[in-house]
Amino acid sequence: NWINDRSKWGGRAGYEYFPDEDNYLFTIAHFYSRMCAYMDYSGWMHKQFLGAGEFTLDFGDYTLSITVPSDHIVAATGEWSNASSVLSSAQQKRLAQARTSTKPVMIVTPEEALDNEKERSSGTKTWVYKSKNVRDVAFASSRKFIWDAMNQPVKTNNVLCMSYYPKEGNPLWEQYSTKVVAHTIKTYSKFTADYIYPVAISVHTDRIGMEYPMICFNGPRPEKDGTYSKRTKYGLITVIIHEVGHNWFPMIVNSDERQWTWMDEGLNTYCQFLAEQSWEKGYESSRGEARRMVRYMTSENQRPIMTGSEEILQFGNNAYSKTTLALTVLRESVLGRDLFDFAFREYCRRWAFK
């Protein structure tokens, strides 16, 4: 029954506490038992988790029932099967509007979230989500959540892009988060394969960037007075693109990150670079350009990209940046964009859900 306090212990899931109003924001993952995956190259995947590299997982179908105080709002992997029993009639109408909207629509307004913060409900509600062909499930819950959503069509799907965030995230989150989610879905679908899931979610809690199927937890936050720097703004855009992008690598194109970290982080960061450059002209990407890799590529601390996650030196430069640069050089200077883009999409098609 113990939930991790991330402000004290770190970690990839847990809670954030807001002492001024005695409220919590929960981001919950890895909370249920499951059988180890079995792979043809190494048998049962029972490596201990040492902090670098994610678990190797198989695909499955899930029904997730989450019982919380009735003033909480829940975000989770999957699609609701009981939205009518947990949302007000006004919120249901806004949600229906968001499903066809080309810009974010407030489902839970800042005013409603503020009212929820002040309540201490004695009742409960159960939110039920169903998902198919996913590696894992995760969820977030808080009475503090503001919630907005919009539609992003891809060739074979209409994706409901959503953000959940406390008031401490504004004005930055209201202005950018859901638009960035939608941009990521559109751009990655162009260069990899269509996003097949019904929703894509960005949740705000402090000091984190962590991904799960259909949902991710992201950290950049303005100052207490609502101001923010250029670094914070672009840090937010960058981390949302990256974590939403993990829905393709490894959530759709499955891989073993502890064995081949670059096939997860590297392929995703390459697509992240494409999404950043198409977000706006002159986007200052931290990875993808040769000039940013000179010092690392001439150093003695390199490792091959095939190095296991626990043995990598300079994890970011090796698994993220080296792969991104190599793929960019292949695309721009060796194969050309048309041939490379065809091959990359074909790789994604062939290896999806395996």
Protein backbone atom coordinates (compact mmCIF):
# COMPACT_ATOMS: atom_id res chain seq x y z
CA ASN A 1 0.00 0.00 0.00
CA TRP A 2 3.05 2.28 -0.06
CA ILE A 3 3.30 4.97 -2.78
CA ASN A 4 6.62 6.62 -3.52
CA ASP A 5 7.22 10.30 -2.67
CA ARG A 6 9.14 11.32 -5.77
CA SER A 7 10.38 14.57 -4.22
CA LYS A 8 12.32 12.51 -1.66
CA TRP A 9 13.16 9.30 -3.48
CA GLY A 10 12.89 10.08 -7.18
CA GLY A 11 11.63 7.26 -9.36
CA ARG A 12 9.38 6.84 -12.36
CA ALA A 13 6.06 6.87 -10.52
CA GLY A 14 4.66 8.02 -7.19
CA TYR A 15 3.11 11.22 -5.92
CA GLU A 16 3.74 14.95 -5.73
CA TYR A 17 2.54 16.69 -2.57
CA PHE A 18 1.28 20.30 -2.50
CA PRO A 19 1.62 21.41 1.15
CA ASP A 20 -0.07 24.80 0.78
CA GLU A 21 -3.44 23.14 0.22
CA ASP A 22 -2.69 19.60 1.44
CA ASN A 23 -3.32 17.99 -1.94
CA TYR A 24 -1.69 15.20 -3.90
CA LEU A 25 -1.08 14.40 -7.56
CA PHE A 26 -0.55 10.68 -8.19
CA THR A 27 1.26 9.21 -11.20
CA ILE A 28 1.06 5.44 -10.87
CA ALA A 29 2.90 2.75 -12.85
CA HIS A 30 4.44 -0.72 -12.35
CA PHE A 31 1.73 -1.47 -9.81
CA TYR A 32 0.71 -5.01 -10.74
CA SER A 33 2.42 -8.39 -11.12
CA ARG A 34 3.02 -9.86 -14.54
CA MET A 35 4.90 -12.73 -16.16
CA CYS A 36 8.36 -12.06 -17.55
CA ALA A 37 8.64 -11.82 -21.32
CA TYR A 38 10.34 -14.69 -23.15
CA MET A 39 12.68 -13.76 -26.01
CA ASP A 40 14.39 -16.02 -28.53
CA TYR A 41 17.81 -14.42 -28.00
CA SER A 42 18.02 -14.74 -24.20
CA GLY A 43 15.10 -16.74 -22.83
CA TRP A 44 13.14 -15.39 -19.87
CA MET A 45 13.70 -11.66 -19.34
CA HIS A 46 14.30 -11.58 -15.58
CA LYS A 47 17.06 -8.97 -15.33
CA GLN A 48 16.83 -6.84 -12.21
CA PHE A 49 15.89 -3.21 -12.76
CA LEU A 50 18.93 -1.02 -12.05
CA GLY A 51 17.53 2.33 -13.14
CA ALA A 52 18.75 2.49 -16.76
CA GLY A 53 16.60 0.91 -19.44
CA GLU A 54 12.96 -0.17 -19.29
CA PHE A 55 11.46 -3.59 -18.73
CA THR A 56 11.05 -5.85 -21.76
CA LEU A 57 7.34 -6.51 -22.14
CA ASP A 58 4.84 -8.46 -24.22
CA PHE A 59 1.55 -7.11 -25.56
CA GLY A 60 -1.84 -7.67 -24.01
CA ASP A 61 -5.40 -6.40 -23.57
CA TYR A 62 -6.34 -4.69 -20.30
CA THR A 63 -9.38 -3.55 -18.37
CA LEU A 64 -8.31 -1.06 -15.72
CA SER A 65 -10.74 -0.05 -12.95
CA ILE A 66 -9.55 2.81 -10.73
CA THR A 67 -11.56 3.77 -7.64
CA VAL A 68 -10.70 7.24 -6.34
CA PRO A 69 -12.33 10.03 -4.29
CA SER A 70 -15.24 11.42 -6.28
CA ASP A 71 -13.58 14.83 -6.62
CA HIS A 72 -10.55 13.32 -8.41
CA ILE A 73 -10.00 13.38 -12.17
CA VAL A 74 -8.26 10.34 -13.68
CA ALA A 75 -6.11 9.93 -16.80
CA ALA A 76 -5.10 6.43 -17.90
CA THR A 77 -3.98 4.11 -20.65
CA GLY A 78 -6.99 3.18 -22.75
CA GLU A 79 -10.43 4.47 -23.60
CA TRP A 80 -13.22 5.05 -21.10
CA SER A 81 -16.00 2.54 -20.93
CA ASN A 82 -17.97 4.54 -18.33
CA ALA A 83 -17.39 8.24 -19.02
CA SER A 84 -21.08 9.01 -18.49
CA SER A 85 -20.93 7.86 -14.86
CA VAL A 86 -17.88 9.89 -13.80
CA LEU A 87 -18.26 13.18 -15.71
CA SER A 88 -20.89 15.87 -15.31
CA SER A 89 -23.29 16.48 -18.20
CA ALA A 90 -21.44 19.72 -19.03
CA GLN A 91 -18.10 17.90 -19.07
CA GLN A 92 -19.52 15.18 -21.31
CA LYS A 93 -20.67 17.84 -23.79
CA ARG A 94 -17.23 19.45 -23.78
CA LEU A 95 -15.60 16.07 -24.31
CA ALA A 96 -17.87 15.41 -27.31
CA GLN A 97 -16.93 18.82 -28.70
CA ALA A 98 -13.21 18.11 -28.21
CA ARG A 99 -13.44 14.92 -30.29
CA THR A 100 -13.90 17.01 -33.44
CA SER A 101 -12.14 20.22 -32.43
CA THR A 102 -8.97 21.47 -34.11
CA LYS A 103 -7.94 23.38 -30.98
CA PRO A 104 -7.97 22.47 -27.28
CA VAL A 105 -11.31 22.44 -25.49
CA MET A 106 -11.50 22.62 -21.69
CA ILE A 107 -13.12 19.49 -20.23
CA VAL A 108 -12.36 20.45 -16.62
CA THR A 109 -11.89 24.20 -16.41
CA PRO A 110 -9.40 25.96 -14.12
CA GLU A 111 -12.34 27.17 -12.03
CA GLU A 112 -13.72 23.64 -11.63
CA ALA A 113 -10.28 22.33 -10.73
CA LEU A 114 -9.92 25.03 -8.08
CA ASP A 115 -13.29 24.04 -6.60
CA ASN A 116 -12.17 20.39 -6.54
CA GLU A 117 -8.98 21.35 -4.72
CA LYS A 118 -11.02 22.80 -1.86
CA GLU A 119 -13.29 19.78 -1.48
CA ARG A 120 -12.67 16.64 0.51
CA SER A 121 -15.24 14.23 -0.82
CA SER A 122 -16.23 11.25 1.29
CA GLY A 123 -17.58 9.40 -1.73
CA THR A 124 -15.77 7.51 -4.48
CA LYS A 125 -16.04 6.98 -8.22
CA THR A 126 -14.64 4.17 -10.33
CA TRP A 127 -13.11 5.07 -13.69
CA VAL A 128 -12.92 2.15 -16.13
CA TYR A 129 -10.54 2.04 -19.09
CA LYS A 130 -10.06 -0.62 -21.74
CA SER A 131 -7.04 -0.99 -23.99
CA LYS A 132 -5.99 -3.48 -26.64
CA ASN A 133 -2.55 -4.58 -27.80
CA VAL A 134 -0.48 -2.53 -25.35
CA ARG A 135 2.73 -3.34 -23.48
CA ASP A 136 1.62 -1.86 -20.17
CA VAL A 137 -0.84 0.47 -18.44
CA ALA A 138 -0.41 3.49 -16.17
CA PHE A 139 -2.62 6.20 -14.71
CA ALA A 140 -2.69 9.56 -12.94
CA SER A 141 -5.21 10.88 -10.43
CA SER A 142 -5.71 14.19 -8.64
CA ARG A 143 -8.39 16.63 -7.57
CA LYS A 144 -6.10 19.37 -8.91
CA PHE A 145 -6.34 18.45 -12.58
CA ILE A 146 -7.31 20.92 -15.25
CA TRP A 147 -8.08 18.90 -18.37
CA ASP A 148 -8.20 19.91 -22.03
CA ALA A 149 -8.43 17.94 -25.27
CA MET A 150 -8.54 18.19 -29.07
CA ASN A 151 -8.74 15.91 -32.09
CA GLN A 152 -5.80 15.03 -34.32
CA PRO A 153 -6.71 13.00 -37.40
CA VAL A 154 -4.24 10.64 -39.03
CA LYS A 155 -4.90 8.54 -42.13
CA THR A 156 -6.62 5.65 -40.37
CA ASN A 157 -7.61 7.12 -37.02
CA ASN A 158 -8.89 10.10 -35.06
CA VAL A 159 -6.75 10.57 -31.97
CA LEU A 160 -8.05 12.40 -28.90
CA CYS A 161 -5.04 14.38 -27.66
CA MET A 162 -5.30 15.43 -24.01
CA SER A 163 -3.44 17.16 -21.20
CA TYR A 164 -4.00 17.01 -17.44
CA TYR A 165 -2.22 19.54 -15.26
CA PRO A 166 -2.51 21.39 -11.95
CA LYS A 167 -2.83 25.17 -11.86
CA GLU A 168 0.90 25.32 -11.08
CA GLY A 169 1.52 24.38 -14.72
CA ASN A 170 -0.21 27.43 -16.13
CA PRO A 171 -0.02 29.48 -18.25
CA LEU A 172 2.55 27.29 -19.98
CA TRP A 173 0.64 24.02 -20.03
CA GLU A 174 -2.67 25.43 -21.20
CA GLN A 175 -0.91 27.24 -24.01
CA TYR A 176 1.29 24.44 -25.34
CA SER A 177 0.83 20.90 -24.02
CA THR A 178 -2.11 19.52 -25.99
CA LYS A 179 -1.05 21.30 -29.17
CA VAL A 180 2.37 19.65 -28.85
CA VAL A 181 0.77 16.24 -28.28
CA ALA A 182 -1.27 16.69 -31.48
CA HIS A 183 1.77 17.89 -33.43
CA THR A 184 3.73 14.83 -32.29
CA ILE A 185 0.97 12.44 -33.32
CA LYS A 186 0.76 14.08 -36.75
CA THR A 187 4.52 14.20 -37.38
CA TYR A 188 5.42 10.72 -36.12
CA SER A 189 2.51 9.22 -38.07
CA LYS A 190 3.99 10.77 -41.21
CA PHE A 191 7.48 9.35 -40.72
CA THR A 192 6.75 6.02 -39.00
CA ALA A 193 3.27 4.49 -38.99
CA ASP A 194 -0.19 5.78 -38.16
CA TYR A 195 -0.92 6.08 -34.46
CA ILE A 196 -3.48 3.33 -33.84
CA TYR A 197 -4.54 4.05 -30.28
CA PRO A 198 -7.62 6.16 -29.43
CA VAL A 199 -5.93 8.67 -27.10
CA ALA A 200 -2.58 10.33 -26.41
CA ILE A 201 -2.12 11.97 -23.00
CA SER A 202 0.38 14.34 -21.40
CA VAL A 203 0.20 14.66 -17.60
CA HIS A 204 2.06 17.34 -15.66
CA THR A 205 3.88 16.61 -12.44
CA ASP A 206 7.15 18.14 -11.33
CA ARG A 207 10.62 17.01 -12.43
CA ILE A 208 9.90 13.96 -14.55
CA GLY A 209 9.77 12.71 -18.13
CA MET A 210 8.37 9.20 -18.30
CA GLU A 211 6.39 7.28 -20.88
CA TYR A 212 3.78 4.52 -20.91
CA PRO A 213 1.30 3.43 -23.61
CA MET A 214 -1.03 6.33 -24.47
CA ILE A 215 0.08 8.35 -21.43
CA CYS A 216 3.22 10.15 -20.29
CA PHE A 217 4.27 12.20 -17.25
CA ASN A 218 6.13 15.45 -17.96
CA GLY A 219 7.78 17.99 -15.72
CA PRO A 220 8.69 21.52 -16.90
CA ARG A 221 6.81 24.11 -14.84
CA PRO A 222 6.67 27.94 -14.70
CA GLU A 223 7.79 29.95 -11.70
CA LYS A 224 5.26 30.48 -8.91
CA ASP A 225 4.31 33.88 -10.36
CA GLY A 226 3.49 32.28 -13.73
CA THR A 227 6.56 33.56 -15.57
CA TYR A 228 8.82 31.20 -17.47
CA SER A 229 12.06 31.34 -19.38
CA LYS A 230 12.74 30.39 -22.97
CA ARG A 231 14.56 27.33 -21.63
CA THR A 232 11.50 26.21 -19.65
CA LYS A 233 9.16 26.74 -22.60
CA TYR A 234 11.26 24.75 -25.03
CA GLY A 235 12.08 22.20 -22.36
CA LEU A 236 8.34 21.57 -22.09
CA ILE A 237 7.85 21.25 -25.84
CA THR A 238 10.88 18.99 -26.17
CA VAL A 239 9.98 16.60 -23.37
CA ILE A 240 6.36 16.26 -24.50
CA ILE A 241 7.43 15.44 -28.06
CA HIS A 242 9.93 12.91 -26.74
CA GLU A 243 7.64 11.17 -24.26
CA VAL A 244 4.61 11.09 -26.57
CA GLY A 245 6.97 9.79 -29.27
CA HIS A 246 7.74 6.76 -27.14
CA ASN A 247 4.28 5.51 -28.12
CA TRP A 248 6.05 4.29 -31.28
CA PHE A 249 9.38 3.27 -29.76
CA PRO A 250 9.00 0.95 -27.84
CA MET A 251 5.22 0.88 -27.35
CA ILE A 252 4.37 -0.07 -30.96
CA VAL A 253 7.76 -1.06 -32.40
CA ASN A 254 8.68 -3.24 -29.44
CA SER A 255 12.29 -3.59 -28.27
CA ASP A 256 14.47 -4.52 -25.31
CA GLU A 257 15.91 -1.23 -24.09
CA ARG A 258 18.32 -2.83 -21.64
CA GLN A 259 19.87 -4.86 -24.46
CA TRP A 260 19.65 -2.32 -27.30
CA THR A 261 18.96 1.09 -25.81
CA TRP A 262 19.41 2.88 -29.14
CA MET A 263 16.43 1.03 -30.67
CA ASP A 264 14.22 2.73 -28.08
CA GLU A 265 15.76 6.08 -27.19
CA GLY A 266 17.77 6.60 -30.37
CA LEU A 267 15.02 5.94 -32.90
CA ASN A 268 12.62 8.02 -30.85
CA THR A 269 15.06 10.93 -30.56
CA TYR A 270 15.61 10.88 -34.32
CA CYS A 271 11.85 11.29 -34.87
CA GLN A 272 11.78 13.87 -32.09
CA PHE A 273 14.34 15.90 -34.06
CA LEU A 274 12.05 15.82 -37.11
CA ALA A 275 9.07 16.90 -35.00
CA GLU A 276 11.02 19.73 -33.38
CA GLN A 277 12.21 21.07 -36.71
CA SER A 278 8.66 21.06 -38.07
CA TRP A 279 7.24 22.72 -34.94
CA GLU A 280 8.80 26.04 -35.91
CA LYS A 281 11.59 27.35 -38.10
CA GLY A 282 14.92 27.56 -36.30
CA TYR A 283 13.97 25.28 -33.40
CA GLU A 284 17.10 24.83 -31.29
CA SER A 285 17.21 21.04 -31.05
CA SER A 286 19.70 19.71 -28.53
CA ARG A 287 20.24 16.51 -30.53
CA GLY A 288 20.43 15.78 -34.24
CA GLU A 289 23.07 18.20 -35.52
CA ALA A 290 26.69 17.15 -36.10
CA ARG A 291 28.13 20.22 -34.40
CA ARG A 292 26.67 19.11 -31.08
CA MET A 293 28.45 15.74 -31.21
CA VAL A 294 32.04 16.70 -32.07
CA ARG A 295 33.35 16.63 -28.50
CA TYR A 296 31.76 13.27 -27.73
CA MET A 297 32.77 11.64 -31.02
CA THR A 298 36.41 12.65 -30.47
CA SER A 299 36.50 11.60 -26.80
CA GLU A 300 37.72 8.38 -25.19
CA ASN A 301 34.39 7.75 -23.47
CA GLN A 302 32.51 6.31 -26.42
CA ARG A 303 30.80 2.95 -26.50
CA PRO A 304 29.18 1.19 -29.49
CA ILE A 305 25.46 1.85 -29.67
CA MET A 306 24.92 -1.90 -29.18
CA THR A 307 26.18 -1.59 -25.59
CA GLY A 308 23.76 -2.71 -22.86
CA SER A 309 22.08 0.04 -20.85
CA GLU A 310 24.02 -0.68 -17.65
CA GLU A 311 27.41 -0.43 -19.38
CA ILE A 312 26.91 2.74 -21.43
CA LEU A 313 29.11 5.73 -20.68
CA GLN A 314 27.44 9.11 -21.27
CA PHE A 315 24.01 7.56 -21.69
CA GLY A 316 22.43 10.51 -23.52
CA ASN A 317 25.25 11.03 -25.99
CA ASN A 318 25.49 7.34 -26.81
CA ALA A 319 21.92 6.06 -26.91
CA TYR A 320 20.13 9.26 -27.92
CA SER A 321 22.46 11.59 -29.79
CA LYS A 322 24.79 9.23 -31.68
CA THR A 323 21.86 7.29 -33.14
CA THR A 324 20.00 10.47 -34.07
CA LEU A 325 23.03 11.92 -35.82
CA ALA A 326 23.77 8.66 -37.68
CA LEU A 327 20.21 8.40 -38.99
CA THR A 328 20.19 12.08 -39.95
CA VAL A 329 23.43 11.65 -41.94
CA LEU A 330 21.97 8.58 -43.67
CA ARG A 331 18.83 10.53 -44.57
CA GLU A 332 20.42 13.80 -45.63
CA SER A 333 23.79 12.76 -47.11
CA VAL A 334 23.86 9.05 -47.99
CA LEU A 335 20.47 7.64 -49.04
CA GLY A 336 18.43 10.78 -49.58
CA ARG A 337 15.13 11.60 -47.91
CA ASP A 338 12.79 9.64 -50.18
CA LEU A 339 14.65 6.34 -49.94
CA PHE A 340 15.46 6.66 -46.26
CA ASP A 341 11.92 7.66 -45.30
CA PHE A 342 10.51 4.69 -47.23
CA ALA A 343 12.91 2.29 -45.52
CA PHE A 344 12.24 3.71 -42.06
CA ARG A 345 8.47 3.46 -42.47
CA GLU A 346 8.85 -0.10 -43.75
CA TYR A 347 10.94 -1.02 -40.69
CA CYS A 348 8.19 0.34 -38.45
CA ARG A 349 5.51 -1.55 -40.38
CA ARG A 350 7.34 -4.88 -40.29
CA TRP A 351 8.28 -4.76 -36.62
CA ALA A 352 5.11 -3.29 -35.13
CA PHE A 353 3.65 -5.32 -32.26
CA LYS A 354 6.34 -8.00 -32.28
